């Protein structure tokens, strides 16, 4: 299953963030830089998995790779915005979708 490395990588990033959430502020930038690097790796793994997927047209569900990549980019932008804030005003945070299963339309037409 090509999504297993992606899931493991995402869990690793989340664990890194959680385990280091009490890190000293001086260490925070280095940790967030590591998170950005890991997001780059996850995005590359996602692109590779998408290229190697062999979704058949008659499958009921398939993985929504574009949505996952969009969410990864949103996380990366959030980290970047925190590290280099462009303004002091509050921003409207966008929610992650988190649902990566696409329903494939049925080949049969309804009466």
PDB file of N, CA and C in Angstrom:
ATOM      1  N   UNK A   1       0.856  -1.183   0.000  1.00  0.00           N
ATOM      2  CA  UNK A   1       0.000   0.000   0.000  1.00  0.00           C
ATOM      3  C   UNK A   1       0.900   1.244   0.000  1.00  0.00           C
ATOM      4  N   UNK A   2       0.811   2.107  -1.004  1.00  0.00           N
ATOM      5  CA  UNK A   2       1.720   3.250  -1.103  1.00  0.00           C
ATOM      6  C   UNK A   2       1.493   4.326  -0.050  1.00  0.00           C
ATOM      7  N   UNK A   3       0.371   4.321   0.633  1.00  0.00           N
ATOM      8  CA  UNK A   3       0.110   5.389   1.602  1.00  0.00           C
ATOM      9  C   UNK A   3       0.748   5.119   2.953  1.00  0.00           C
ATOM     10  N   UNK A   4       1.257   3.920   3.199  1.00  0.00           N
ATOM     11  CA  UNK A   4       1.863   3.598   4.485  1.00  0.00           C
ATOM     12  C   UNK A   4       3.045   4.506   4.796  1.00  0.00           C
ATOM     13  N   UNK A   5       3.997   4.745   3.877  1.00  0.00           N
ATOM     14  CA  UNK A   5       5.089   5.670   4.201  1.00  0.00           C
ATOM     15  C   UNK A   5       4.583   7.087   4.495  1.00  0.00           C
ATOM     16  N   UNK A   6       3.533   7.491   3.821  1.00  0.00           N
ATOM     17  CA  UNK A   6       2.977   8.826   4.050  1.00  0.00           C
ATOM     18  C   UNK A   6       2.405   8.907   5.446  1.00  0.00           C
ATOM     19  N   UNK A   7       1.645   7.893   5.836  1.00  0.00           N
ATOM     20  CA  UNK A   7       1.057   7.884   7.179  1.00  0.00           C
ATOM     21  C   UNK A   7       2.136   7.886   8.247  1.00  0.00           C
ATOM     22  N   UNK A   8       3.173   7.071   8.049  1.00  0.00           N
ATOM     23  CA  UNK A   8       4.271   7.018   9.022  1.00  0.00           C
ATOM     24  C   UNK A   8       4.968   8.370   9.113  1.00  0.00           C
ATOM     25  N   UNK A   9       5.176   9.005   7.986  1.00  0.00           N
ATOM     26  CA  UNK A   9       5.839  10.307   7.987  1.00  0.00           C
ATOM     27  C   UNK A   9       4.999  11.363   8.686  1.00  0.00           C
ATOM     28  N   UNK A  10       3.697  11.366   8.426  1.00  0.00           N
ATOM     29  CA  UNK A  10       2.812  12.323   9.092  1.00  0.00           C
ATOM     30  C   UNK A  10       2.796  12.094  10.594  1.00  0.00           C
ATOM     31  N   UNK A  11       2.753  10.833  11.013  1.00  0.00           N
ATOM     32  CA  UNK A  11       2.775  10.531  12.437  1.00  0.00           C
ATOM     33  C   UNK A  11       4.091  10.969  13.063  1.00  0.00           C
ATOM     34  N   UNK A  12       5.197  10.811  12.333  1.00  0.00           N
ATOM     35  CA  UNK A  12       6.494  11.235  12.839  1.00  0.00           C
ATOM     36  C   UNK A  12       6.527  12.748  13.049  1.00  0.00           C
ATOM     37  N   UNK A  13       5.995  13.493  12.089  1.00  0.00           N
ATOM     38  CA  UNK A  13       5.949  14.953  12.219  1.00  0.00           C
ATOM     39  C   UNK A  13       5.105  15.354  13.416  1.00  0.00           C
ATOM     40  N   UNK A  14       3.934  14.754  13.553  1.00  0.00           N
ATOM     41  CA  UNK A  14       3.068  15.087  14.679  1.00  0.00           C
ATOM     42  C   UNK A  14       3.710  14.721  16.011  1.00  0.00           C
ATOM     43  N   UNK A  15       4.400  13.587  16.062  1.00  0.00           N
ATOM     44  CA  UNK A  15       5.083  13.190  17.298  1.00  0.00           C
ATOM     45  C   UNK A  15       6.219  14.149  17.611  1.00  0.00           C
ATOM     46  N   UNK A  16       6.939  14.588  16.587  1.00  0.00           N
ATOM     47  CA  UNK A  16       8.028  15.538  16.793  1.00  0.00           C
ATOM     48  C   UNK A  16       7.492  16.841  17.367  1.00  0.00           C
ATOM     49  N   UNK A  17       6.399  17.305  16.834  1.00  0.00           N
ATOM     50  CA  UNK A  17       5.801  18.540  17.334  1.00  0.00           C
ATOM     51  C   UNK A  17       5.339  18.351  18.773  1.00  0.00           C
ATOM     52  N   UNK A  18       4.673  17.220  19.049  1.00  0.00           N
ATOM     53  CA  UNK A  18       4.135  16.983  20.391  1.00  0.00           C
ATOM     54  C   UNK A  18       5.248  16.803  21.416  1.00  0.00           C
ATOM     55  N   UNK A  19       6.252  16.005  21.100  1.00  0.00           N
ATOM     56  CA  UNK A  19       7.323  15.743  22.055  1.00  0.00           C
ATOM     57  C   UNK A  19       8.163  16.977  22.340  1.00  0.00           C
ATOM     58  N   UNK A  20       8.238  17.870  21.380  1.00  0.00           N
ATOM     59  CA  UNK A  20       9.065  19.049  21.554  1.00  0.00           C
ATOM     60  C   UNK A  20       8.245  20.299  21.842  1.00  0.00           C
ATOM     61  N   UNK A  21       6.987  20.117  22.218  1.00  0.00           N
ATOM     62  CA  UNK A  21       6.133  21.279  22.458  1.00  0.00           C
ATOM     63  C   UNK A  21       6.568  22.070  23.678  1.00  0.00           C
ATOM     64  N   UNK A  22       7.329  21.432  24.581  1.00  0.00           N
ATOM     65  CA  UNK A  22       7.806  22.152  25.761  1.00  0.00           C
ATOM     66  C   UNK A  22       9.263  22.584  25.609  1.00  0.00           C
ATOM     67  N   UNK A  23       9.770  22.582  24.389  1.00  0.00           N
ATOM     68  CA  UNK A  23      11.153  22.983  24.145  1.00  0.00           C
ATOM     69  C   UNK A  23      11.333  24.470  24.426  1.00  0.00           C
ATOM     70  N   UNK A  24      12.572  24.837  24.728  1.00  0.00           N
ATOM     71  CA  UNK A  24      12.873  26.237  25.005  1.00  0.00           C
ATOM     72  C   UNK A  24      12.656  27.063  23.745  1.00  0.00           C
ATOM     73  N   UNK A  25      12.238  28.342  23.897  1.00  0.00           N
ATOM     74  CA  UNK A  25      11.979  29.183  22.724  1.00  0.00           C
ATOM     75  C   UNK A  25      13.174  29.289  21.772  1.00  0.00           C
ATOM     76  N   UNK A  26      14.386  29.259  22.295  1.00  0.00           N
ATOM     77  CA  UNK A  26      15.563  29.355  21.427  1.00  0.00           C
ATOM     78  C   UNK A  26      15.669  28.130  20.534  1.00  0.00           C
ATOM     79  N   UNK A  27      15.170  27.017  21.010  1.00  0.00           N
ATOM     80  CA  UNK A  27      15.227  25.769  20.260  1.00  0.00           C
ATOM     81  C   UNK A  27      14.046  25.626  19.298  1.00  0.00           C
ATOM     82  N   UNK A  28      13.026  26.437  19.501  1.00  0.00           N
ATOM     83  CA  UNK A  28      11.786  26.306  18.731  1.00  0.00           C
ATOM     84  C   UNK A  28      12.008  26.508  17.238  1.00  0.00           C
ATOM     85  N   UNK A  29      12.788  27.491  16.869  1.00  0.00           N
ATOM     86  CA  UNK A  29      13.010  27.751  15.443  1.00  0.00           C
ATOM     87  C   UNK A  29      13.703  26.576  14.767  1.00  0.00           C
ATOM     88  N   UNK A  30      14.653  25.974  15.449  1.00  0.00           N
ATOM     89  CA  UNK A  30      15.341  24.811  14.881  1.00  0.00           C
ATOM     90  C   UNK A  30      14.373  23.642  14.720  1.00  0.00           C
ATOM     91  N   UNK A  31      13.492  23.438  15.713  1.00  0.00           N
ATOM     92  CA  UNK A  31      12.527  22.354  15.639  1.00  0.00           C
ATOM     93  C   UNK A  31      11.524  22.579  14.512  1.00  0.00           C
ATOM     94  N   UNK A  32      11.062  23.812  14.367  1.00  0.00           N
ATOM     95  CA  UNK A  32      10.108  24.107  13.293  1.00  0.00           C
ATOM     96  C   UNK A  32      10.771  24.015  11.920  1.00  0.00           C
ATOM     97  N   UNK A  33      12.044  24.316  11.854  1.00  0.00           N
ATOM     98  CA  UNK A  33      12.782  24.142  10.603  1.00  0.00           C
ATOM     99  C   UNK A  33      12.834  22.654  10.239  1.00  0.00           C
ATOM    100  N   UNK A  34      13.024  21.819  11.255  1.00  0.00           N
ATOM    101  CA  UNK A  34      13.008  20.377  11.031  1.00  0.00           C
ATOM    102  C   UNK A  34      11.626  19.921  10.556  1.00  0.00           C
ATOM    103  N   UNK A  35      10.585  20.471  11.126  1.00  0.00           N
ATOM    104  CA  UNK A  35       9.219  20.136  10.694  1.00  0.00           C
ATOM    105  C   UNK A  35       9.040  20.497   9.224  1.00  0.00           C
ATOM    106  N   UNK A  36       9.527  21.670   8.826  1.00  0.00           N
ATOM    107  CA  UNK A  36       9.400  22.069   7.409  1.00  0.00           C
ATOM    108  C   UNK A  36      10.126  21.080   6.502  1.00  0.00           C
ATOM    109  N   UNK A  37      11.318  20.632   6.912  1.00  0.00           N
ATOM    110  CA  UNK A  37      12.056  19.660   6.108  1.00  0.00           C
ATOM    111  C   UNK A  37      11.280  18.353   5.999  1.00  0.00           C
ATOM    112  N   UNK A  38      10.675  17.934   7.108  1.00  0.00           N
ATOM    113  CA  UNK A  38       9.902  16.697   7.089  1.00  0.00           C
ATOM    114  C   UNK A  38       8.657  16.844   6.221  1.00  0.00           C
ATOM    115  N   UNK A  39       8.052  18.002   6.226  1.00  0.00           N
ATOM    116  CA  UNK A  39       6.900  18.233   5.343  1.00  0.00           C
ATOM    117  C   UNK A  39       7.317  18.143   3.877  1.00  0.00           C
ATOM    118  N   UNK A  40       8.526  18.629   3.560  1.00  0.00           N
ATOM    119  CA  UNK A  40       9.040  18.506   2.191  1.00  0.00           C
ATOM    120  C   UNK A  40       9.171  17.035   1.796  1.00  0.00           C
ATOM    121  N   UNK A  41       9.693  16.221   2.723  1.00  0.00           N
ATOM    122  CA  UNK A  41       9.848  14.794   2.459  1.00  0.00           C
ATOM    123  C   UNK A  41       8.480  14.145   2.276  1.00  0.00           C
ATOM    124  N   UNK A  42       7.537  14.475   3.142  1.00  0.00           N
ATOM    125  CA  UNK A  42       6.189  13.903   3.041  1.00  0.00           C
ATOM    126  C   UNK A  42       5.545  14.292   1.715  1.00  0.00           C
ATOM    127  N   UNK A  43       5.754  15.531   1.296  1.00  0.00           N
ATOM    128  CA  UNK A  43       5.167  15.966   0.021  1.00  0.00           C
ATOM    129  C   UNK A  43       5.778  15.192  -1.143  1.00  0.00           C
ATOM    130  N   UNK A  44       7.092  14.955  -1.098  1.00  0.00           N
ATOM    131  CA  UNK A  44       7.732  14.167  -2.157  1.00  0.00           C
ATOM    132  C   UNK A  44       7.215  12.722  -2.145  1.00  0.00           C
ATOM    133  N   UNK A  45       7.063  12.132  -0.947  1.00  0.00           N
ATOM    134  CA  UNK A  45       6.534  10.776  -0.855  1.00  0.00           C
ATOM    135  C   UNK A  45       5.107  10.704  -1.389  1.00  0.00           C
ATOM    136  N   UNK A  46       4.325  11.724  -1.108  1.00  0.00           N
ATOM    137  CA  UNK A  46       2.950  11.770  -1.598  1.00  0.00           C
ATOM    138  C   UNK A  46       2.925  11.821  -3.121  1.00  0.00           C
ATOM    139  N   UNK A  47       3.789  12.652  -3.697  1.00  0.00           N
ATOM    140  CA  UNK A  47       3.852  12.754  -5.155  1.00  0.00           C
ATOM    141  C   UNK A  47       4.283  11.418  -5.769  1.00  0.00           C
ATOM    142  N   UNK A  48       5.245  10.744  -5.138  1.00  0.00           N
ATOM    143  CA  UNK A  48       5.680   9.434  -5.641  1.00  0.00           C
ATOM    144  C   UNK A  48       4.552   8.413  -5.540  1.00  0.00           C
ATOM    145  N   UNK A  49       3.843   8.429  -4.408  1.00  0.00           N
ATOM    146  CA  UNK A  49       2.732   7.492  -4.237  1.00  0.00           C
ATOM    147  C   UNK A  49       1.643   7.748  -5.270  1.00  0.00           C
ATOM    148  N   UNK A  50       1.392   9.020  -5.554  1.00  0.00           N
ATOM    149  CA  UNK A  50       0.368   9.352  -6.553  1.00  0.00           C
ATOM    150  C   UNK A  50       0.774   8.850  -7.934  1.00  0.00           C
ATOM    151  N   UNK A  51       2.048   9.020  -8.272  1.00  0.00           N
ATOM    152  CA  UNK A  51       2.522   8.552  -9.582  1.00  0.00           C
ATOM    153  C   UNK A  51       2.463   7.026  -9.681  1.00  0.00           C
ATOM    154  N   UNK A  52       2.704   6.337  -8.568  1.00  0.00           N
ATOM    155  CA  UNK A  52       2.733   4.873  -8.629  1.00  0.00           C
ATOM    156  C   UNK A  52       1.379   4.240  -8.330  1.00  0.00           C
ATOM    157  N   UNK A  53       0.381   5.052  -7.997  1.00  0.00           N
ATOM    158  CA  UNK A  53      -0.933   4.467  -7.712  1.00  0.00           C
ATOM    159  C   UNK A  53      -1.529   3.895  -8.990  1.00  0.00           C
ATOM    160  N   UNK A  54      -2.238   2.836  -8.802  1.00  0.00           N
ATOM    161  CA  UNK A  54      -2.872   2.203  -9.964  1.00  0.00           C
ATOM    162  C   UNK A  54      -4.375   2.127  -9.740  1.00  0.00           C
ATOM    163  N   UNK A  55      -4.963   3.265  -9.461  1.00  0.00           N
ATOM    164  CA  UNK A  55      -6.409   3.332  -9.240  1.00  0.00           C
ATOM    165  C   UNK A  55      -7.138   2.952 -10.522  1.00  0.00           C
ATOM    166  N   UNK A  56      -8.056   2.061 -10.361  1.00  0.00           N
ATOM    167  CA  UNK A  56      -8.846   1.594 -11.498  1.00  0.00           C
ATOM    168  C   UNK A  56     -10.126   2.424 -11.594  1.00  0.00           C
ATOM    169  N   UNK A  57     -10.614   2.655 -12.795  1.00  0.00           N
ATOM    170  CA  UNK A  57     -11.829   3.461 -12.953  1.00  0.00           C
ATOM    171  C   UNK A  57     -13.052   2.857 -12.263  1.00  0.00           C
ATOM    172  N   UNK A  58     -13.066   1.539 -12.045  1.00  0.00           N
ATOM    173  CA  UNK A  58     -14.234   0.910 -11.434  1.00  0.00           C
ATOM    174  C   UNK A  58     -14.124   0.804  -9.915  1.00  0.00           C
ATOM    175  N   UNK A  59     -13.053   1.343  -9.307  1.00  0.00           N
ATOM    176  CA  UNK A  59     -12.927   1.317  -7.852  1.00  0.00           C
ATOM    177  C   UNK A  59     -13.903   2.305  -7.237  1.00  0.00           C
ATOM    178  N   UNK A  60     -14.439   1.919  -6.101  1.00  0.00           N
ATOM    179  CA  UNK A  60     -15.422   2.786  -5.443  1.00  0.00           C
ATOM    180  C   UNK A  60     -14.750   3.982  -4.781  1.00  0.00           C
ATOM    181  N   UNK A  61     -13.595   3.762  -4.173  1.00  0.00           N
ATOM    182  CA  UNK A  61     -12.872   4.839  -3.499  1.00  0.00           C
ATOM    183  C   UNK A  61     -11.435   4.886  -3.988  1.00  0.00           C
ATOM    184  N   UNK A  62     -10.857   6.051  -3.895  1.00  0.00           N
ATOM    185  CA  UNK A  62      -9.431   6.201  -4.169  1.00  0.00           C
ATOM    186  C   UNK A  62      -8.894   7.308  -3.272  1.00  0.00           C
ATOM    187  N   UNK A  63      -7.593   7.364  -3.115  1.00  0.00           N
ATOM    188  CA  UNK A  63      -6.970   8.339  -2.223  1.00  0.00           C
ATOM    189  C   UNK A  63      -6.903   9.696  -2.911  1.00  0.00           C
ATOM    190  N   UNK A  64      -7.226  10.757  -2.174  1.00  0.00           N
ATOM    191  CA  UNK A  64      -7.247  12.116  -2.715  1.00  0.00           C
ATOM    192  C   UNK A  64      -5.885  12.777  -2.499  1.00  0.00           C
ATOM    193  N   UNK A  65      -4.933  12.445  -3.363  1.00  0.00           N
ATOM    194  CA  UNK A  65      -3.580  12.979  -3.250  1.00  0.00           C
ATOM    195  C   UNK A  65      -3.527  14.501  -3.355  1.00  0.00           C
ATOM    196  N   UNK A  66      -4.236  15.124  -4.294  1.00  0.00           N
ATOM    197  CA  UNK A  66      -4.181  16.593  -4.374  1.00  0.00           C
ATOM    198  C   UNK A  66      -4.626  17.272  -3.075  1.00  0.00           C
ATOM    199  N   UNK A  67      -5.632  16.708  -2.397  1.00  0.00           N
ATOM    200  CA  UNK A  67      -6.087  17.303  -1.140  1.00  0.00           C
ATOM    201  C   UNK A  67      -5.025  17.171  -0.055  1.00  0.00           C
ATOM    202  N   UNK A  68      -4.349  16.030   0.000  1.00  0.00           N
ATOM    203  CA  UNK A  68      -3.283  15.841   0.979  1.00  0.00           C
ATOM    204  C   UNK A  68      -2.152  16.836   0.728  1.00  0.00           C
ATOM    205  N   UNK A  69      -1.763  17.003  -0.518  1.00  0.00           N
ATOM    206  CA  UNK A  69      -0.690  17.951  -0.848  1.00  0.00           C
ATOM    207  C   UNK A  69      -1.114  19.371  -0.472  1.00  0.00           C
ATOM    208  N   UNK A  70      -2.362  19.702  -0.709  1.00  0.00           N
ATOM    209  CA  UNK A  70      -2.867  21.026  -0.343  1.00  0.00           C
ATOM    210  C   UNK A  70      -2.801  21.234   1.176  1.00  0.00           C
ATOM    211  N   UNK A  71      -3.167  20.211   1.953  1.00  0.00           N
ATOM    212  CA  UNK A  71      -3.099  20.315   3.406  1.00  0.00           C
ATOM    213  C   UNK A  71      -1.650  20.432   3.895  1.00  0.00           C
ATOM    214  N   UNK A  72      -0.747  19.689   3.277  1.00  0.00           N
ATOM    215  CA  UNK A  72       0.675  19.787   3.641  1.00  0.00           C
ATOM    216  C   UNK A  72       1.174  21.203   3.382  1.00  0.00           C
ATOM    217  N   UNK A  73       0.801  21.771   2.243  1.00  0.00           N
ATOM    218  CA  UNK A  73       1.219  23.137   1.928  1.00  0.00           C
ATOM    219  C   UNK A  73       0.629  24.132   2.922  1.00  0.00           C
ATOM    220  N   UNK A  74      -0.599  23.892   3.371  1.00  0.00           N
ATOM    221  CA  UNK A  74      -1.236  24.773   4.349  1.00  0.00           C
ATOM    222  C   UNK A  74      -0.492  24.712   5.691  1.00  0.00           C
ATOM    223  N   UNK A  75      -0.082  23.508   6.105  1.00  0.00           N
ATOM    224  CA  UNK A  75       0.684  23.362   7.337  1.00  0.00           C
ATOM    225  C   UNK A  75       2.019  24.077   7.204  1.00  0.00           C
ATOM    226  N   UNK A  76       2.693  23.875   6.056  1.00  0.00           N
ATOM    227  CA  UNK A  76       3.982  24.520   5.827  1.00  0.00           C
ATOM    228  C   UNK A  76       3.843  26.046   5.892  1.00  0.00           C
ATOM    229  N   UNK A  77       2.792  26.567   5.297  1.00  0.00           N
ATOM    230  CA  UNK A  77       2.569  28.019   5.308  1.00  0.00           C
ATOM    231  C   UNK A  77       2.311  28.517   6.726  1.00  0.00           C
ATOM    232  N   UNK A  78       1.585  27.728   7.523  1.00  0.00           N
ATOM    233  CA  UNK A  78       1.335  28.115   8.912  1.00  0.00           C
ATOM    234  C   UNK A  78       2.615  28.191   9.722  1.00  0.00           C
ATOM    235  N   UNK A  79       3.508  27.225   9.525  1.00  0.00           N
ATOM    236  CA  UNK A  79       4.802  27.251  10.217  1.00  0.00           C
ATOM    237  C   UNK A  79       5.602  28.461   9.759  1.00  0.00           C
ATOM    238  N   UNK A  80       5.615  28.710   8.449  1.00  0.00           N
ATOM    239  CA  UNK A  80       6.357  29.856   7.913  1.00  0.00           C
ATOM    240  C   UNK A  80       5.786  31.172   8.438  1.00  0.00           C
ATOM    241  N   UNK A  81       4.476  31.284   8.491  1.00  0.00           N
ATOM    242  CA  UNK A  81       3.842  32.501   9.006  1.00  0.00           C
ATOM    243  C   UNK A  81       4.200  32.733  10.464  1.00  0.00           C
ATOM    244  N   UNK A  82       4.333  31.648  11.230  1.00  0.00           N
ATOM    245  CA  UNK A  82       4.707  31.783  12.638  1.00  0.00           C
ATOM    246  C   UNK A  82       6.158  32.243  12.766  1.00  0.00           C
ATOM    247  N   UNK A  83       7.032  31.655  11.946  1.00  0.00           N
ATOM    248  CA  UNK A  83       8.450  31.998  12.027  1.00  0.00           C
ATOM    249  C   UNK A  83       8.751  33.390  11.485  1.00  0.00           C
ATOM    250  N   UNK A  84       8.010  33.815  10.492  1.00  0.00           N
ATOM    251  CA  UNK A  84       8.235  35.122   9.864  1.00  0.00           C
ATOM    252  C   UNK A  84       6.904  35.842   9.708  1.00  0.00           C
ATOM    253  N   UNK A  85       6.345  36.342  10.792  1.00  0.00           N
ATOM    254  CA  UNK A  85       5.036  37.003  10.670  1.00  0.00           C
ATOM    255  C   UNK A  85       5.145  38.260   9.816  1.00  0.00           C
ATOM    256  N   UNK A  86       4.190  38.405   8.913  1.00  0.00           N
ATOM    257  CA  UNK A  86       4.210  39.559   8.013  1.00  0.00           C
ATOM    258  C   UNK A  86       3.447  40.738   8.594  1.00  0.00           C
ATOM    259  N   UNK A  87       2.604  40.476   9.589  1.00  0.00           N
ATOM    260  CA  UNK A  87       1.816  41.546  10.199  1.00  0.00           C
ATOM    261  C   UNK A  87       1.396  41.108  11.595  1.00  0.00           C
ATOM    262  N   UNK A  88       0.991  42.046  12.376  1.00  0.00           N
ATOM    263  CA  UNK A  88       0.610  41.752  13.751  1.00  0.00           C
ATOM    264  C   UNK A  88      -0.883  41.538  13.904  1.00  0.00           C
ATOM    265  N   UNK A  89      -1.644  41.668  12.836  1.00  0.00           N
ATOM    266  CA  UNK A  89      -3.091  41.525  12.910  1.00  0.00           C
ATOM    267  C   UNK A  89      -3.473  40.046  12.919  1.00  0.00           C
ATOM    268  N   UNK A  90      -4.591  39.722  13.559  1.00  0.00           N
ATOM    269  CA  UNK A  90      -5.024  38.319  13.553  1.00  0.00           C
ATOM    270  C   UNK A  90      -5.361  37.871  12.139  1.00  0.00           C
ATOM    271  N   UNK A  91      -5.154  36.619  11.893  1.00  0.00           N
ATOM    272  CA  UNK A  91      -5.446  36.071  10.572  1.00  0.00           C
ATOM    273  C   UNK A  91      -6.582  35.073  10.671  1.00  0.00           C
ATOM    274  N   UNK A  92      -7.187  34.785   9.546  1.00  0.00           N
ATOM    275  CA  UNK A  92      -8.283  33.829   9.486  1.00  0.00           C
ATOM    276  C   UNK A  92      -7.686  32.465   9.154  1.00  0.00           C
ATOM    277  N   UNK A  93      -7.561  31.582  10.150  1.00  0.00           N
ATOM    278  CA  UNK A  93      -6.944  30.285   9.860  1.00  0.00           C
ATOM    279  C   UNK A  93      -7.855  29.406   9.019  1.00  0.00           C
ATOM    280  N   UNK A  94      -7.265  28.758   8.041  1.00  0.00           N
ATOM    281  CA  UNK A  94      -8.020  27.831   7.198  1.00  0.00           C
ATOM    282  C   UNK A  94      -7.941  26.441   7.822  1.00  0.00           C
ATOM    283  N   UNK A  95      -9.033  25.720   7.769  1.00  0.00           N
ATOM    284  CA  UNK A  95      -9.075  24.382   8.344  1.00  0.00           C
ATOM    285  C   UNK A  95      -8.494  23.370   7.372  1.00  0.00           C
ATOM    286  N   UNK A  96      -7.869  22.329   7.936  1.00  0.00           N
ATOM    287  CA  UNK A  96      -7.417  21.215   7.123  1.00  0.00           C
ATOM    288  C   UNK A  96      -8.632  20.357   6.787  1.00  0.00           C
ATOM    289  N   UNK A  97      -8.621  19.788   5.625  1.00  0.00           N
ATOM    290  CA  UNK A  97      -9.734  18.946   5.214  1.00  0.00           C
ATOM    291  C   UNK A  97      -9.652  17.602   5.933  1.00  0.00           C
ATOM    292  N   UNK A  98      -8.521  16.927   5.830  1.00  0.00           N
ATOM    293  CA  UNK A  98      -8.303  15.692   6.559  1.00  0.00           C
ATOM    294  C   UNK A  98      -9.029  14.474   6.023  1.00  0.00           C
ATOM    295  N   UNK A  99      -9.885  14.598   5.042  1.00  0.00           N
ATOM    296  CA  UNK A  99     -10.594  13.469   4.452  1.00  0.00           C
ATOM    297  C   UNK A  99     -10.005  13.252   3.069  1.00  0.00           C
ATOM    298  N   UNK A 100      -9.279  12.148   2.898  1.00  0.00           N
ATOM    299  CA  UNK A 100      -8.547  11.927   1.658  1.00  0.00           C
ATOM    300  C   UNK A 100      -9.104  10.765   0.842  1.00  0.00           C
ATOM    301  N   UNK A 101     -10.367  10.434   1.045  1.00  0.00           N
ATOM    302  CA  UNK A 101     -10.987   9.376   0.281  1.00  0.00           C
ATOM    303  C   UNK A 101     -11.943  10.003  -0.718  1.00  0.00           C
ATOM    304  N   UNK A 102     -11.733   9.713  -1.990  1.00  0.00           N
ATOM    305  CA  UNK A 102     -12.614  10.198  -3.052  1.00  0.00           C
ATOM    306  C   UNK A 102     -13.564   9.089  -3.451  1.00  0.00           C
ATOM    307  N   UNK A 103     -14.815   9.410  -3.565  1.00  0.00           N
ATOM    308  CA  UNK A 103     -15.786   8.462  -4.085  1.00  0.00           C
ATOM    309  C   UNK A 103     -15.708   8.514  -5.601  1.00  0.00           C
ATOM    310  N   UNK A 104     -15.556   7.361  -6.208  1.00  0.00           N
ATOM    311  CA  UNK A 104     -15.506   7.276  -7.656  1.00  0.00           C
ATOM    312  C   UNK A 104     -16.930   7.129  -8.160  1.00  0.00           C
ATOM    313  N   UNK A 105     -17.339   7.982  -9.111  1.00  0.00           N
ATOM    314  CA  UNK A 105     -18.702   7.873  -9.626  1.00  0.00           C
ATOM    315  C   UNK A 105     -18.931   6.498 -10.253  1.00  0.00           C
ATOM    316  N   UNK A 106     -20.125   5.996 -10.043  1.00  0.00           N
ATOM    317  CA  UNK A 106     -20.482   4.679 -10.583  1.00  0.00           C
ATOM    318  C   UNK A 106     -20.540   4.742 -12.097  1.00  0.00           C
ATOM    319  N   UNK A 107     -20.105   3.650 -12.736  1.00  0.00           N
ATOM    320  CA  UNK A 107     -20.134   3.568 -14.200  1.00  0.00           C
ATOM    321  C   UNK A 107     -21.554   3.349 -14.720  1.00  0.00           C
ATOM    322  N   UNK A 108     -22.426   2.827 -13.831  1.00  0.00           N
ATOM    323  CA  UNK A 108     -23.798   2.581 -14.228  1.00  0.00           C
ATOM    324  C   UNK A 108     -24.604   3.869 -14.135  1.00  0.00           C
ATOM    325  N   UNK A 109     -25.472   4.081 -15.083  1.00  0.00           N
ATOM    326  CA  UNK A 109     -26.328   5.264 -15.022  1.00  0.00           C
ATOM    327  C   UNK A 109     -27.628   4.899 -14.308  1.00  0.00           C
ATOM    328  N   UNK A 110     -28.162   5.867 -13.560  1.00  0.00           N
ATOM    329  CA  UNK A 110     -29.431   5.603 -12.854  1.00  0.00           C
ATOM    330  C   UNK A 110     -30.606   5.797 -13.795  1.00  0.00           C
ATOM    331  N   UNK A 111     -31.703   5.063 -13.529  1.00  0.00           N
ATOM    332  CA  UNK A 111     -32.883   5.136 -14.434  1.00  0.00           C
ATOM    333  C   UNK A 111     -33.601   6.433 -14.335  1.00  0.00           C
TER     334      UNK A 111
END
